[in-house]
Amino acid sequence: MKYFDELKRSMEFLAKDPNVLFLGQAVACAGTAMSNTLKDVPGRKKLELPVDE
């Protein structure tokens, strides 16, 4: 199993917990490699935040 596959599997495992919410940049919208690890996580579990510079 590749590192990416294991990371994606871990995100899906965490998403099953009702207390887990993924928040940050490029979690709900594509834009980074991290986005791909969350593509099968339900949208209700992801909260996109704006860039804060």
PDB file of N, CA and C in Angstrom:
ATOM      1  N   MET A   1       0.838  -1.172   0.000  1.00  0.00           N
ATOM      2  CA  MET A   1       0.000   0.000   0.000  1.00  0.00           C
ATOM      3  C   MET A   1       0.891   1.246   0.000  1.00  0.00           C
ATOM      4  N   LYS A   2       0.532   2.209  -0.800  1.00  0.00           N
ATOM      5  CA  LYS A   2       1.298   3.449  -0.888  1.00  0.00           C
ATOM      6  C   LYS A   2       0.924   4.393   0.255  1.00  0.00           C
ATOM      7  N   TYR A   3       1.805   5.335   0.521  1.00  0.00           N
ATOM      8  CA  TYR A   3       1.589   6.305   1.596  1.00  0.00           C
ATOM      9  C   TYR A   3       0.272   7.056   1.392  1.00  0.00           C
ATOM     10  N   PHE A   4       0.019   7.517   0.168  1.00  0.00           N
ATOM     11  CA  PHE A   4      -1.217   8.247  -0.115  1.00  0.00           C
ATOM     12  C   PHE A   4      -2.439   7.400   0.216  1.00  0.00           C
ATOM     13  N   ASP A   5      -2.424   6.145  -0.177  1.00  0.00           N
ATOM     14  CA  ASP A   5      -3.563   5.257   0.073  1.00  0.00           C
ATOM     15  C   ASP A   5      -3.822   5.096   1.565  1.00  0.00           C
ATOM     16  N   GLU A   6      -2.774   4.968   2.324  1.00  0.00           N
ATOM     17  CA  GLU A   6      -2.915   4.814   3.773  1.00  0.00           C
ATOM     18  C   GLU A   6      -3.423   6.109   4.410  1.00  0.00           C
ATOM     19  N   LEU A   7      -2.939   7.234   3.928  1.00  0.00           N
ATOM     20  CA  LEU A   7      -3.403   8.522   4.435  1.00  0.00           C
ATOM     21  C   LEU A   7      -4.887   8.718   4.128  1.00  0.00           C
ATOM     22  N   LYS A   8      -5.304   8.381   2.928  1.00  0.00           N
ATOM     23  CA  LYS A   8      -6.713   8.486   2.532  1.00  0.00           C
ATOM     24  C   LYS A   8      -7.573   7.559   3.383  1.00  0.00           C
ATOM     25  N   ARG A   9      -7.102   6.349   3.597  1.00  0.00           N
ATOM     26  CA  ARG A   9      -7.835   5.391   4.427  1.00  0.00           C
ATOM     27  C   ARG A   9      -7.981   5.920   5.854  1.00  0.00           C
ATOM     28  N   SER A  10      -6.943   6.560   6.356  1.00  0.00           N
ATOM     29  CA  SER A  10      -6.984   7.131   7.706  1.00  0.00           C
ATOM     30  C   SER A  10      -7.997   8.265   7.799  1.00  0.00           C
ATOM     31  N   MET A  11      -8.064   9.103   6.780  1.00  0.00           N
ATOM     32  CA  MET A  11      -9.039  10.204   6.772  1.00  0.00           C
ATOM     33  C   MET A  11     -10.462   9.658   6.758  1.00  0.00           C
ATOM     34  N   GLU A  12     -10.694   8.611   5.997  1.00  0.00           N
ATOM     35  CA  GLU A  12     -12.020   8.003   5.939  1.00  0.00           C
ATOM     36  C   GLU A  12     -12.376   7.354   7.278  1.00  0.00           C
ATOM     37  N   PHE A  13     -11.394   6.758   7.937  1.00  0.00           N
ATOM     38  CA  PHE A  13     -11.610   6.180   9.267  1.00  0.00           C
ATOM     39  C   PHE A  13     -11.990   7.276  10.262  1.00  0.00           C
ATOM     40  N   LEU A  14     -11.236   8.377  10.258  1.00  0.00           N
ATOM     41  CA  LEU A  14     -11.524   9.485  11.170  1.00  0.00           C
ATOM     42  C   LEU A  14     -12.897  10.094  10.897  1.00  0.00           C
ATOM     43  N   ALA A  15     -13.290  10.157   9.640  1.00  0.00           N
ATOM     44  CA  ALA A  15     -14.573  10.757   9.268  1.00  0.00           C
ATOM     45  C   ALA A  15     -15.758   9.988   9.842  1.00  0.00           C
ATOM     46  N   LYS A  16     -15.567   8.737  10.205  1.00  0.00           N
ATOM     47  CA  LYS A  16     -16.655   7.945  10.794  1.00  0.00           C
ATOM     48  C   LYS A  16     -16.989   8.385  12.211  1.00  0.00           C
ATOM     49  N   ASP A  17     -16.068   9.077  12.856  1.00  0.00           N
ATOM     50  CA  ASP A  17     -16.293   9.577  14.214  1.00  0.00           C
ATOM     51  C   ASP A  17     -17.197  10.808  14.128  1.00  0.00           C
ATOM     52  N   PRO A  18     -18.338  10.810  14.827  1.00  0.00           N
ATOM     53  CA  PRO A  18     -19.257  11.954  14.741  1.00  0.00           C
ATOM     54  C   PRO A  18     -18.671  13.256  15.287  1.00  0.00           C
ATOM     55  N   ASN A  19     -17.611  13.181  16.065  1.00  0.00           N
ATOM     56  CA  ASN A  19     -16.997  14.380  16.637  1.00  0.00           C
ATOM     57  C   ASN A  19     -15.884  14.969  15.775  1.00  0.00           C
ATOM     58  N   VAL A  20     -15.580  14.331  14.661  1.00  0.00           N
ATOM     59  CA  VAL A  20     -14.484  14.795  13.802  1.00  0.00           C
ATOM     60  C   VAL A  20     -15.027  15.699  12.702  1.00  0.00           C
ATOM     61  N   LEU A  21     -14.357  16.830  12.522  1.00  0.00           N
ATOM     62  CA  LEU A  21     -14.658  17.768  11.449  1.00  0.00           C
ATOM     63  C   LEU A  21     -13.321  18.209  10.856  1.00  0.00           C
ATOM     64  N   PHE A  22     -13.207  18.131   9.558  1.00  0.00           N
ATOM     65  CA  PHE A  22     -11.985  18.559   8.883  1.00  0.00           C
ATOM     66  C   PHE A  22     -12.156  20.023   8.499  1.00  0.00           C
ATOM     67  N   LEU A  23     -11.258  20.876   8.983  1.00  0.00           N
ATOM     68  CA  LEU A  23     -11.363  22.280   8.625  1.00  0.00           C
ATOM     69  C   LEU A  23     -10.019  22.834   8.209  1.00  0.00           C
ATOM     70  N   GLY A  24     -10.077  23.779   7.286  1.00  0.00           N
ATOM     71  CA  GLY A  24      -8.855  24.393   6.799  1.00  0.00           C
ATOM     72  C   GLY A  24      -8.990  24.810   5.353  1.00  0.00           C
ATOM     73  N   GLN A  25      -7.872  25.130   4.755  1.00  0.00           N
ATOM     74  CA  GLN A  25      -7.840  25.516   3.349  1.00  0.00           C
ATOM     75  C   GLN A  25      -7.723  24.264   2.494  1.00  0.00           C
ATOM     76  N   ALA A  26      -8.485  24.225   1.422  1.00  0.00           N
ATOM     77  CA  ALA A  26      -8.457  23.129   0.444  1.00  0.00           C
ATOM     78  C   ALA A  26      -8.899  21.796   1.033  1.00  0.00           C
ATOM     79  N   VAL A  27      -9.829  21.834   1.989  1.00  0.00           N
ATOM     80  CA  VAL A  27     -10.397  20.574   2.469  1.00  0.00           C
ATOM     81  C   VAL A  27     -11.693  20.264   1.722  1.00  0.00           C
ATOM     82  N   ALA A  28     -12.479  21.286   1.415  1.00  0.00           N
ATOM     83  CA  ALA A  28     -13.728  21.081   0.688  1.00  0.00           C
ATOM     84  C   ALA A  28     -13.568  21.377  -0.800  1.00  0.00           C
ATOM     85  N   CYS A  29     -12.586  22.179  -1.137  1.00  0.00           N
ATOM     86  CA  CYS A  29     -12.317  22.545  -2.531  1.00  0.00           C
ATOM     87  C   CYS A  29     -10.942  22.019  -2.919  1.00  0.00           C
ATOM     88  N   ALA A  30     -10.846  21.592  -4.144  1.00  0.00           N
ATOM     89  CA  ALA A  30      -9.554  21.083  -4.619  1.00  0.00           C
ATOM     90  C   ALA A  30      -8.505  22.184  -4.611  1.00  0.00           C
ATOM     91  N   GLY A  31      -7.266  21.802  -4.458  1.00  0.00           N
ATOM     92  CA  GLY A  31      -6.206  22.795  -4.489  1.00  0.00           C
ATOM     93  C   GLY A  31      -4.873  22.282  -3.988  1.00  0.00           C
ATOM     94  N   THR A  32      -4.893  21.220  -3.199  1.00  0.00           N
ATOM     95  CA  THR A  32      -3.643  20.655  -2.689  1.00  0.00           C
ATOM     96  C   THR A  32      -3.720  19.136  -2.762  1.00  0.00           C
ATOM     97  N   ALA A  33      -2.606  18.498  -2.518  1.00  0.00           N
ATOM     98  CA  ALA A  33      -2.592  17.033  -2.476  1.00  0.00           C
ATOM     99  C   ALA A  33      -3.475  16.531  -1.341  1.00  0.00           C
ATOM    100  N   MET A  34      -3.580  17.313  -0.282  1.00  0.00           N
ATOM    101  CA  MET A  34      -4.425  16.933   0.850  1.00  0.00           C
ATOM    102  C   MET A  34      -5.891  16.816   0.432  1.00  0.00           C
ATOM    103  N   SER A  35      -6.323  17.642  -0.510  1.00  0.00           N
ATOM    104  CA  SER A  35      -7.709  17.598  -0.986  1.00  0.00           C
ATOM    105  C   SER A  35      -8.076  16.203  -1.471  1.00  0.00           C
ATOM    106  N   ASN A  36      -7.153  15.553  -2.132  1.00  0.00           N
ATOM    107  CA  ASN A  36      -7.422  14.219  -2.673  1.00  0.00           C
ATOM    108  C   ASN A  36      -7.604  13.173  -1.584  1.00  0.00           C
ATOM    109  N   THR A  37      -7.026  13.384  -0.415  1.00  0.00           N
ATOM    110  CA  THR A  37      -7.197  12.407   0.667  1.00  0.00           C
ATOM    111  C   THR A  37      -8.579  12.517   1.292  1.00  0.00           C
ATOM    112  N   LEU A  38      -9.281  13.612   1.015  1.00  0.00           N
ATOM    113  CA  LEU A  38     -10.605  13.839   1.601  1.00  0.00           C
ATOM    114  C   LEU A  38     -11.730  13.729   0.579  1.00  0.00           C
ATOM    115  N   LYS A  39     -11.426  13.312  -0.640  1.00  0.00           N
ATOM    116  CA  LYS A  39     -12.444  13.333  -1.689  1.00  0.00           C
ATOM    117  C   LYS A  39     -13.617  12.392  -1.414  1.00  0.00           C
ATOM    118  N   ASP A  40     -13.430  11.333  -0.643  1.00  0.00           N
ATOM    119  CA  ASP A  40     -14.524  10.412  -0.332  1.00  0.00           C
ATOM    120  C   ASP A  40     -15.131  10.655   1.046  1.00  0.00           C
ATOM    121  N   VAL A  41     -14.710  11.729   1.706  1.00  0.00           N
ATOM    122  CA  VAL A  41     -15.276  12.117   3.000  1.00  0.00           C
ATOM    123  C   VAL A  41     -16.509  12.969   2.708  1.00  0.00           C
ATOM    124  N   PRO A  42     -17.628  12.716   3.383  1.00  0.00           N
ATOM    125  CA  PRO A  42     -18.845  13.497   3.130  1.00  0.00           C
ATOM    126  C   PRO A  42     -18.618  14.999   3.309  1.00  0.00           C
ATOM    127  N   GLY A  43     -19.259  15.792   2.470  1.00  0.00           N
ATOM    128  CA  GLY A  43     -19.114  17.237   2.515  1.00  0.00           C
ATOM    129  C   GLY A  43     -19.492  17.849   3.848  1.00  0.00           C
ATOM    130  N   ARG A  44     -20.433  17.242   4.559  1.00  0.00           N
ATOM    131  CA  ARG A  44     -20.871  17.774   5.853  1.00  0.00           C
ATOM    132  C   ARG A  44     -19.775  17.677   6.917  1.00  0.00           C
ATOM    133  N   LYS A  45     -18.737  16.899   6.637  1.00  0.00           N
ATOM    134  CA  LYS A  45     -17.624  16.727   7.574  1.00  0.00           C
ATOM    135  C   LYS A  45     -16.461  17.671   7.270  1.00  0.00           C
ATOM    136  N   LYS A  46     -16.608  18.505   6.225  1.00  0.00           N
ATOM    137  CA  LYS A  46     -15.520  19.390   5.803  1.00  0.00           C
ATOM    138  C   LYS A  46     -15.972  20.846   5.884  1.00  0.00           C
ATOM    139  N   LEU A  47     -15.143  21.679   6.454  1.00  0.00           N
ATOM    140  CA  LEU A  47     -15.421  23.108   6.562  1.00  0.00           C
ATOM    141  C   LEU A  47     -14.250  23.874   5.956  1.00  0.00           C
ATOM    142  N   GLU A  48     -14.518  24.516   4.846  1.00  0.00           N
ATOM    143  CA  GLU A  48     -13.494  25.284   4.137  1.00  0.00           C
ATOM    144  C   GLU A  48     -13.312  26.637   4.812  1.00  0.00           C
ATOM    145  N   LEU A  49     -12.075  27.008   5.071  1.00  0.00           N
ATOM    146  CA  LEU A  49     -11.765  28.302   5.677  1.00  0.00           C
ATOM    147  C   LEU A  49     -11.035  29.176   4.663  1.00  0.00           C
ATOM    148  N   PRO A  50     -11.226  30.492   4.740  1.00  0.00           N
ATOM    149  CA  PRO A  50     -10.535  31.380   3.804  1.00  0.00           C
ATOM    150  C   PRO A  50      -9.055  31.513   4.148  1.00  0.00           C
ATOM    151  N   VAL A  51      -8.311  31.991   3.181  1.00  0.00           N
ATOM    152  CA  VAL A  51      -6.891  32.264   3.398  1.00  0.00           C
ATOM    153  C   VAL A  51      -6.784  33.423   4.377  1.00  0.00           C
ATOM    154  N   ASP A  52      -5.942  33.280   5.372  1.00  0.00           N
ATOM    155  CA  ASP A  52      -5.753  34.325   6.375  1.00  0.00           C
ATOM    156  C   ASP A  52      -4.279  34.705   6.380  1.00  0.00           C
ATOM    157  N   GLU A  53      -3.980  35.800   5.743  1.00  0.00           N
ATOM    158  CA  GLU A  53      -2.579  36.234   5.659  1.00  0.00           C
ATOM    159  C   GLU A  53      -2.382  37.563   6.332  1.00  0.00           C
TER     160      GLU A  53
END
